[in-house]
Amino acid sequence: AHCRREAKRLGYRLFADDQCLSPTVTAVWLPDDAALDWPAIAQRLRADHNIVVGGNYGPLKNKVFRIGHMGLAQ
């Protein structure tokens, strides 16, 4: 719940509706207007904050990222 609350506070929009949220992963839309280097963002979150994120595939590639809530990053 903390991760989703903070993502919303930072202005991100969650992918799933509130009634479909998963306890193990949060999917978040990337901002439409941002010129982002997705691999660099994922690497920085893991290195600096031990937050594991994954990109998406197909039509959602570079539009949605996922934050895992299980275990520790190794």
N, C-alpha and C. Protein backbone atom coordinates (compact mmCIF):
# COMPACT_ATOMS: atom_id res chain seq x y z
N ALA A 1 0.82 -1.18 0.00
CA ALA A 1 0.00 0.00 0.00
C ALA A 1 0.87 1.26 0.00
N HIS A 2 1.99 1.20 0.71
CA HIS A 2 2.88 2.35 0.78
C HIS A 2 3.43 2.70 -0.61
N CYS A 3 3.85 1.72 -1.35
CA CYS A 3 4.40 1.94 -2.68
C CYS A 3 3.37 2.62 -3.58
N ARG A 4 2.16 2.13 -3.60
CA ARG A 4 1.11 2.72 -4.43
C ARG A 4 0.76 4.14 -3.99
N ARG A 5 0.71 4.34 -2.69
CA ARG A 5 0.40 5.67 -2.15
C ARG A 5 1.50 6.67 -2.56
N GLU A 6 2.75 6.26 -2.45
CA GLU A 6 3.86 7.14 -2.80
C GLU A 6 3.91 7.40 -4.31
N ALA A 7 3.65 6.38 -5.10
CA ALA A 7 3.62 6.58 -6.56
C ALA A 7 2.56 7.62 -6.93
N LYS A 8 1.40 7.51 -6.32
CA LYS A 8 0.33 8.49 -6.59
C LYS A 8 0.73 9.88 -6.11
N ARG A 9 1.36 9.94 -4.94
CA ARG A 9 1.79 11.23 -4.38
C ARG A 9 2.79 11.91 -5.31
N LEU A 10 3.63 11.11 -5.97
CA LEU A 10 4.62 11.65 -6.89
C LEU A 10 4.02 11.97 -8.27
N GLY A 11 2.73 11.71 -8.43
CA GLY A 11 2.06 12.06 -9.67
C GLY A 11 1.96 10.95 -10.70
N TYR A 12 2.34 9.74 -10.32
CA TYR A 12 2.22 8.62 -11.24
C TYR A 12 0.81 8.04 -11.20
N ARG A 13 0.41 7.46 -12.32
CA ARG A 13 -0.90 6.83 -12.43
C ARG A 13 -0.71 5.32 -12.41
N LEU A 14 -1.47 4.63 -11.54
CA LEU A 14 -1.36 3.18 -11.44
C LEU A 14 -2.04 2.52 -12.63
N PHE A 15 -1.51 1.38 -13.05
CA PHE A 15 -2.06 0.66 -14.20
C PHE A 15 -3.37 -0.02 -13.85
N ALA A 16 -3.43 -0.68 -12.70
CA ALA A 16 -4.62 -1.46 -12.30
C ALA A 16 -5.62 -0.61 -11.53
N ASP A 17 -6.88 -0.97 -11.67
CA ASP A 17 -7.93 -0.35 -10.86
C ASP A 17 -7.74 -0.78 -9.41
N ASP A 18 -8.22 0.02 -8.47
CA ASP A 18 -8.05 -0.27 -7.05
C ASP A 18 -8.56 -1.66 -6.65
N GLN A 19 -9.62 -2.14 -7.26
CA GLN A 19 -10.17 -3.45 -6.87
C GLN A 19 -9.36 -4.62 -7.45
N CYS A 20 -8.37 -4.34 -8.30
CA CYS A 20 -7.57 -5.41 -8.94
C CYS A 20 -6.10 -5.36 -8.54
N LEU A 21 -5.75 -4.62 -7.52
CA LEU A 21 -4.34 -4.47 -7.13
C LEU A 21 -3.76 -5.77 -6.60
N SER A 22 -2.50 -6.00 -6.90
CA SER A 22 -1.80 -7.20 -6.46
C SER A 22 -0.96 -6.90 -5.22
N PRO A 23 -0.88 -7.83 -4.28
CA PRO A 23 0.00 -7.62 -3.13
C PRO A 23 1.48 -7.84 -3.47
N THR A 24 1.80 -8.39 -4.65
CA THR A 24 3.17 -8.74 -5.00
C THR A 24 3.83 -7.84 -6.02
N VAL A 25 3.04 -7.03 -6.72
CA VAL A 25 3.61 -6.16 -7.75
C VAL A 25 2.71 -4.95 -7.97
N THR A 26 3.32 -3.82 -8.27
CA THR A 26 2.57 -2.61 -8.64
C THR A 26 3.01 -2.20 -10.03
N ALA A 27 2.05 -2.04 -10.92
CA ALA A 27 2.33 -1.57 -12.28
C ALA A 27 1.97 -0.09 -12.36
N VAL A 28 2.88 0.69 -12.95
CA VAL A 28 2.74 2.14 -12.98
C VAL A 28 2.97 2.64 -14.41
N TRP A 29 2.12 3.56 -14.85
CA TRP A 29 2.31 4.18 -16.16
C TRP A 29 3.48 5.15 -16.11
N LEU A 30 4.35 5.11 -17.12
CA LEU A 30 5.38 6.13 -17.26
C LEU A 30 4.71 7.41 -17.75
N PRO A 31 5.22 8.57 -17.39
CA PRO A 31 4.65 9.82 -17.90
C PRO A 31 4.75 9.88 -19.42
N ASP A 32 3.70 10.35 -20.07
CA ASP A 32 3.68 10.45 -21.53
C ASP A 32 4.68 11.46 -22.06
N ASP A 33 4.87 12.54 -21.34
CA ASP A 33 5.67 13.64 -21.85
C ASP A 33 7.15 13.60 -21.45
N ALA A 34 7.56 12.55 -20.79
CA ALA A 34 8.94 12.50 -20.32
C ALA A 34 9.85 11.82 -21.35
N ALA A 35 11.01 12.38 -21.54
CA ALA A 35 12.03 11.76 -22.38
C ALA A 35 12.88 10.91 -21.44
N LEU A 36 12.50 9.65 -21.28
CA LEU A 36 13.13 8.79 -20.29
C LEU A 36 14.02 7.74 -20.94
N ASP A 37 15.13 7.46 -20.30
CA ASP A 37 15.98 6.35 -20.68
C ASP A 37 15.62 5.22 -19.72
N TRP A 38 14.68 4.36 -20.13
CA TRP A 38 14.12 3.35 -19.24
C TRP A 38 15.20 2.46 -18.60
N PRO A 39 16.15 1.88 -19.35
CA PRO A 39 17.17 1.04 -18.69
C PRO A 39 17.95 1.79 -17.61
N ALA A 40 18.26 3.05 -17.84
CA ALA A 40 19.01 3.83 -16.84
C ALA A 40 18.18 4.05 -15.58
N ILE A 41 16.90 4.29 -15.75
CA ILE A 41 16.02 4.47 -14.58
C ILE A 41 15.95 3.19 -13.77
N ALA A 42 15.74 2.06 -14.42
CA ALA A 42 15.65 0.78 -13.72
C ALA A 42 16.95 0.47 -12.97
N GLN A 43 18.07 0.71 -13.63
CA GLN A 43 19.37 0.45 -13.01
C GLN A 43 19.59 1.36 -11.80
N ARG A 44 19.24 2.61 -11.92
CA ARG A 44 19.44 3.57 -10.83
C ARG A 44 18.57 3.25 -9.62
N LEU A 45 17.30 2.88 -9.85
CA LEU A 45 16.41 2.52 -8.74
C LEU A 45 16.96 1.32 -7.98
N ARG A 46 17.47 0.34 -8.71
CA ARG A 46 18.01 -0.85 -8.06
C ARG A 46 19.30 -0.52 -7.30
N ALA A 47 20.21 0.22 -7.93
CA ALA A 47 21.50 0.52 -7.30
C ALA A 47 21.35 1.46 -6.11
N ASP A 48 20.54 2.49 -6.24
CA ASP A 48 20.45 3.52 -5.20
C ASP A 48 19.45 3.20 -4.10
N HIS A 49 18.38 2.48 -4.44
CA HIS A 49 17.29 2.28 -3.48
C HIS A 49 16.90 0.82 -3.26
N ASN A 50 17.59 -0.12 -3.94
CA ASN A 50 17.28 -1.54 -3.82
C ASN A 50 15.83 -1.82 -4.23
N ILE A 51 15.33 -1.05 -5.20
CA ILE A 51 13.98 -1.25 -5.72
C ILE A 51 14.10 -1.95 -7.06
N VAL A 52 13.48 -3.12 -7.15
CA VAL A 52 13.52 -3.90 -8.39
C VAL A 52 12.33 -3.53 -9.24
N VAL A 53 12.59 -3.07 -10.45
CA VAL A 53 11.52 -2.72 -11.38
C VAL A 53 11.74 -3.48 -12.67
N GLY A 54 10.65 -3.72 -13.35
CA GLY A 54 10.72 -4.37 -14.65
C GLY A 54 9.93 -3.57 -15.65
N GLY A 55 10.40 -3.60 -16.86
CA GLY A 55 9.67 -2.95 -17.93
C GLY A 55 8.51 -3.82 -18.36
N ASN A 56 7.92 -3.51 -19.47
CA ASN A 56 6.83 -4.30 -19.99
C ASN A 56 7.12 -4.68 -21.42
N TYR A 57 6.21 -5.46 -22.00
CA TYR A 57 6.41 -6.02 -23.33
C TYR A 57 5.24 -5.65 -24.24
N GLY A 58 5.42 -5.89 -25.52
CA GLY A 58 4.34 -5.67 -26.47
C GLY A 58 3.92 -4.23 -26.52
N PRO A 59 2.60 -3.99 -26.60
CA PRO A 59 2.11 -2.62 -26.74
C PRO A 59 2.36 -1.73 -25.51
N LEU A 60 2.70 -2.34 -24.36
CA LEU A 60 2.96 -1.55 -23.15
C LEU A 60 4.46 -1.29 -22.92
N LYS A 61 5.30 -1.75 -23.83
CA LYS A 61 6.74 -1.54 -23.69
C LYS A 61 7.04 -0.04 -23.66
N ASN A 62 7.86 0.36 -22.69
CA ASN A 62 8.23 1.77 -22.46
C ASN A 62 7.05 2.66 -22.11
N LYS A 63 5.94 2.05 -21.68
CA LYS A 63 4.77 2.82 -21.23
C LYS A 63 4.41 2.49 -19.78
N VAL A 64 4.72 1.26 -19.34
CA VAL A 64 4.38 0.79 -18.00
C VAL A 64 5.60 0.12 -17.40
N PHE A 65 5.85 0.36 -16.11
CA PHE A 65 6.88 -0.41 -15.41
C PHE A 65 6.26 -1.05 -14.18
N ARG A 66 6.93 -2.10 -13.70
CA ARG A 66 6.41 -2.88 -12.58
C ARG A 66 7.42 -2.86 -11.43
N ILE A 67 6.90 -2.69 -10.22
CA ILE A 67 7.70 -2.70 -8.99
C ILE A 67 7.34 -3.96 -8.22
N GLY A 68 8.32 -4.82 -7.97
CA GLY A 68 8.08 -6.04 -7.22
C GLY A 68 8.08 -5.79 -5.73
N HIS A 69 7.21 -6.52 -5.01
CA HIS A 69 7.10 -6.36 -3.56
C HIS A 69 7.51 -7.62 -2.80
N MET A 70 8.18 -8.55 -3.45
CA MET A 70 8.54 -9.81 -2.80
C MET A 70 10.05 -9.96 -2.73
N GLY A 71 10.56 -10.28 -1.58
CA GLY A 71 11.97 -10.59 -1.42
C GLY A 71 12.87 -9.38 -1.51
N LEU A 72 14.15 -9.66 -1.47
CA LEU A 72 15.17 -8.62 -1.52
C LEU A 72 15.91 -8.72 -2.85
N ALA A 73 16.32 -7.59 -3.38
CA ALA A 73 17.14 -7.58 -4.58
C ALA A 73 18.52 -8.11 -4.21
N GLN A 74 19.07 -8.94 -5.02
CA GLN A 74 20.37 -9.53 -4.75
C GLN A 74 21.40 -8.99 -5.72
